[in-house]
Amino acid sequence: MSAPTARRRRARWVLPEDGIVDELAIEIAAAGIRPVALTPTEQQIAAARILAAGGTPYRISRHLHISGRAAHALAEAITAGSRDDAA
């Protein structure tokens, strides 16, 4: 897949930050009910919910329509943040 095609596909599922958190969109995405576009903040919240329910980075990548590498990085950032909070 060419880089412009990958960017267009990614752009379809990522919205610009607008200062609003759509809880319904987060729930739909985290549950994997259907594809939904999210802001980066909403993606992080949905990923945290997936991990809290016992999900994996693979599930994050499938439900949020992001690459496996991005899902692993997001999961690591979330788990690192929770370890920092516990300390």
C-alpha atoms as a PDB file:
ATOM      1  CA  MET A   1       0.000   0.000   0.000  1.00  0.00           C
ATOM      2  CA  SER A   2       1.388   3.387  -0.886  1.00  0.00           C
ATOM      3  CA  ALA A   3       1.964   6.047   1.757  1.00  0.00           C
ATOM      4  CA  PRO A   4      -0.764   8.423   0.460  1.00  0.00           C
ATOM      5  CA  THR A   5      -3.313   5.572   0.543  1.00  0.00           C
ATOM      6  CA  ALA A   6      -2.319   4.643   4.113  1.00  0.00           C
ATOM      7  CA  ARG A   7      -2.608   8.286   5.195  1.00  0.00           C
ATOM      8  CA  ARG A   8      -6.075   8.621   3.677  1.00  0.00           C
ATOM      9  CA  ARG A   9      -7.224   5.438   5.407  1.00  0.00           C
ATOM     10  CA  ARG A  10      -5.829   6.597   8.757  1.00  0.00           C
ATOM     11  CA  ALA A  11      -7.313  10.088   8.345  1.00  0.00           C
ATOM     12  CA  ARG A  12     -10.747   8.550   7.925  1.00  0.00           C
ATOM     13  CA  TRP A  13     -10.703   7.268  11.519  1.00  0.00           C
ATOM     14  CA  VAL A  14      -8.863  10.103  13.293  1.00  0.00           C
ATOM     15  CA  LEU A  15     -10.603  13.405  13.935  1.00  0.00           C
ATOM     16  CA  PRO A  16      -8.857  16.621  14.969  1.00  0.00           C
ATOM     17  CA  GLU A  17      -8.970  17.491  18.659  1.00  0.00           C
ATOM     18  CA  ASP A  18     -11.998  19.668  19.332  1.00  0.00           C
ATOM     19  CA  GLY A  19     -12.067  19.729  23.132  1.00  0.00           C
ATOM     20  CA  ILE A  20     -15.164  17.517  23.233  1.00  0.00           C
ATOM     21  CA  VAL A  21     -15.090  13.898  24.397  1.00  0.00           C
ATOM     22  CA  ASP A  22     -17.849  11.814  22.813  1.00  0.00           C
ATOM     23  CA  GLU A  23     -18.537   9.051  25.353  1.00  0.00           C
ATOM     24  CA  LEU A  24     -20.945   7.251  23.030  1.00  0.00           C
ATOM     25  CA  ALA A  25     -18.379   7.096  20.224  1.00  0.00           C
ATOM     26  CA  ILE A  26     -15.790   5.786  22.715  1.00  0.00           C
ATOM     27  CA  GLU A  27     -18.152   3.055  23.908  1.00  0.00           C
ATOM     28  CA  ILE A  28     -19.020   2.002  20.347  1.00  0.00           C
ATOM     29  CA  ALA A  29     -15.349   1.847  19.377  1.00  0.00           C
ATOM     30  CA  ALA A  30     -14.217   0.039  22.545  1.00  0.00           C
ATOM     31  CA  ALA A  31     -16.952  -2.561  22.178  1.00  0.00           C
ATOM     32  CA  GLY A  32     -16.146  -3.052  18.501  1.00  0.00           C
ATOM     33  CA  ILE A  33     -19.788  -2.542  17.546  1.00  0.00           C
ATOM     34  CA  ARG A  34     -18.920  -0.657  14.352  1.00  0.00           C
ATOM     35  CA  PRO A  35     -16.176   1.579  12.983  1.00  0.00           C
ATOM     36  CA  VAL A  36     -16.258   5.116  14.361  1.00  0.00           C
ATOM     37  CA  ALA A  37     -13.915   8.086  13.947  1.00  0.00           C
ATOM     38  CA  LEU A  38     -12.315   9.321  17.169  1.00  0.00           C
ATOM     39  CA  THR A  39     -10.042  12.133  18.272  1.00  0.00           C
ATOM     40  CA  PRO A  40      -6.647  11.108  19.696  1.00  0.00           C
ATOM     41  CA  THR A  41      -7.990  11.687  23.226  1.00  0.00           C
ATOM     42  CA  GLU A  42     -11.015   9.496  22.532  1.00  0.00           C
ATOM     43  CA  GLN A  43      -8.720   6.813  21.068  1.00  0.00           C
ATOM     44  CA  GLN A  44      -6.677   6.792  24.249  1.00  0.00           C
ATOM     45  CA  ILE A  45      -9.785   6.461  26.432  1.00  0.00           C
ATOM     46  CA  ALA A  46     -11.207   3.680  24.237  1.00  0.00           C
ATOM     47  CA  ALA A  47      -7.864   1.845  24.314  1.00  0.00           C
ATOM     48  CA  ALA A  48      -7.754   2.130  28.109  1.00  0.00           C
ATOM     49  CA  ARG A  49     -11.261   0.644  28.304  1.00  0.00           C
ATOM     50  CA  ILE A  50     -10.252  -2.218  26.009  1.00  0.00           C
ATOM     51  CA  LEU A  51      -7.194  -2.961  28.166  1.00  0.00           C
ATOM     52  CA  ALA A  52      -9.235  -2.700  31.386  1.00  0.00           C
ATOM     53  CA  ALA A  53     -11.614  -5.333  30.021  1.00  0.00           C
ATOM     54  CA  GLY A  54      -8.682  -7.706  29.429  1.00  0.00           C
ATOM     55  CA  GLY A  55      -8.115  -6.727  25.808  1.00  0.00           C
ATOM     56  CA  THR A  56      -4.823  -6.767  23.971  1.00  0.00           C
ATOM     57  CA  PRO A  57      -3.023  -4.394  21.610  1.00  0.00           C
ATOM     58  CA  TYR A  58      -4.331  -6.572  18.774  1.00  0.00           C
ATOM     59  CA  ARG A  59      -7.909  -5.867  19.865  1.00  0.00           C
ATOM     60  CA  ILE A  60      -7.081  -2.164  20.158  1.00  0.00           C
ATOM     61  CA  SER A  61      -5.768  -2.147  16.579  1.00  0.00           C
ATOM     62  CA  ARG A  62      -8.878  -3.919  15.241  1.00  0.00           C
ATOM     63  CA  HIS A  63     -11.433  -1.836  17.136  1.00  0.00           C
ATOM     64  CA  LEU A  64      -9.753   1.549  16.654  1.00  0.00           C
ATOM     65  CA  HIS A  65      -8.520   0.949  13.094  1.00  0.00           C
ATOM     66  CA  ILE A  66      -4.890   1.725  13.875  1.00  0.00           C
ATOM     67  CA  SER A  67      -1.733  -0.186  13.055  1.00  0.00           C
ATOM     68  CA  GLY A  68      -0.429  -2.879  15.347  1.00  0.00           C
ATOM     69  CA  ARG A  69       2.621  -0.754  16.084  1.00  0.00           C
ATOM     70  CA  ALA A  70       0.444   2.229  17.037  1.00  0.00           C
ATOM     71  CA  ALA A  71      -1.752  -0.024  19.195  1.00  0.00           C
ATOM     72  CA  HIS A  72       1.298  -1.391  21.041  1.00  0.00           C
ATOM     73  CA  ALA A  73       2.614   2.138  21.613  1.00  0.00           C
ATOM     74  CA  LEU A  74      -0.783   3.293  22.870  1.00  0.00           C
ATOM     75  CA  ALA A  75      -1.094   0.285  25.206  1.00  0.00           C
ATOM     76  CA  GLU A  76       2.423   0.882  26.522  1.00  0.00           C
ATOM     77  CA  ALA A  77       1.697   4.561  27.151  1.00  0.00           C
ATOM     78  CA  ILE A  78      -1.492   3.678  29.010  1.00  0.00           C
ATOM     79  CA  THR A  79       0.089   0.955  31.149  1.00  0.00           C
ATOM     80  CA  ALA A  80       3.158   3.104  31.843  1.00  0.00           C
ATOM     81  CA  GLY A  81       0.858   5.913  32.959  1.00  0.00           C
ATOM     82  CA  SER A  82      -1.022   3.599  35.303  1.00  0.00           C
ATOM     83  CA  ARG A  83       2.274   2.323  36.769  1.00  0.00           C
ATOM     84  CA  ASP A  84       3.394   5.930  37.352  1.00  0.00           C
ATOM     85  CA  ASP A  85       0.077   6.724  39.055  1.00  0.00           C
ATOM     86  CA  ALA A  86       0.449   3.722  41.374  1.00  0.00           C
ATOM     87  CA  ALA A  87       3.954   4.756  42.489  1.00  0.00           C
END
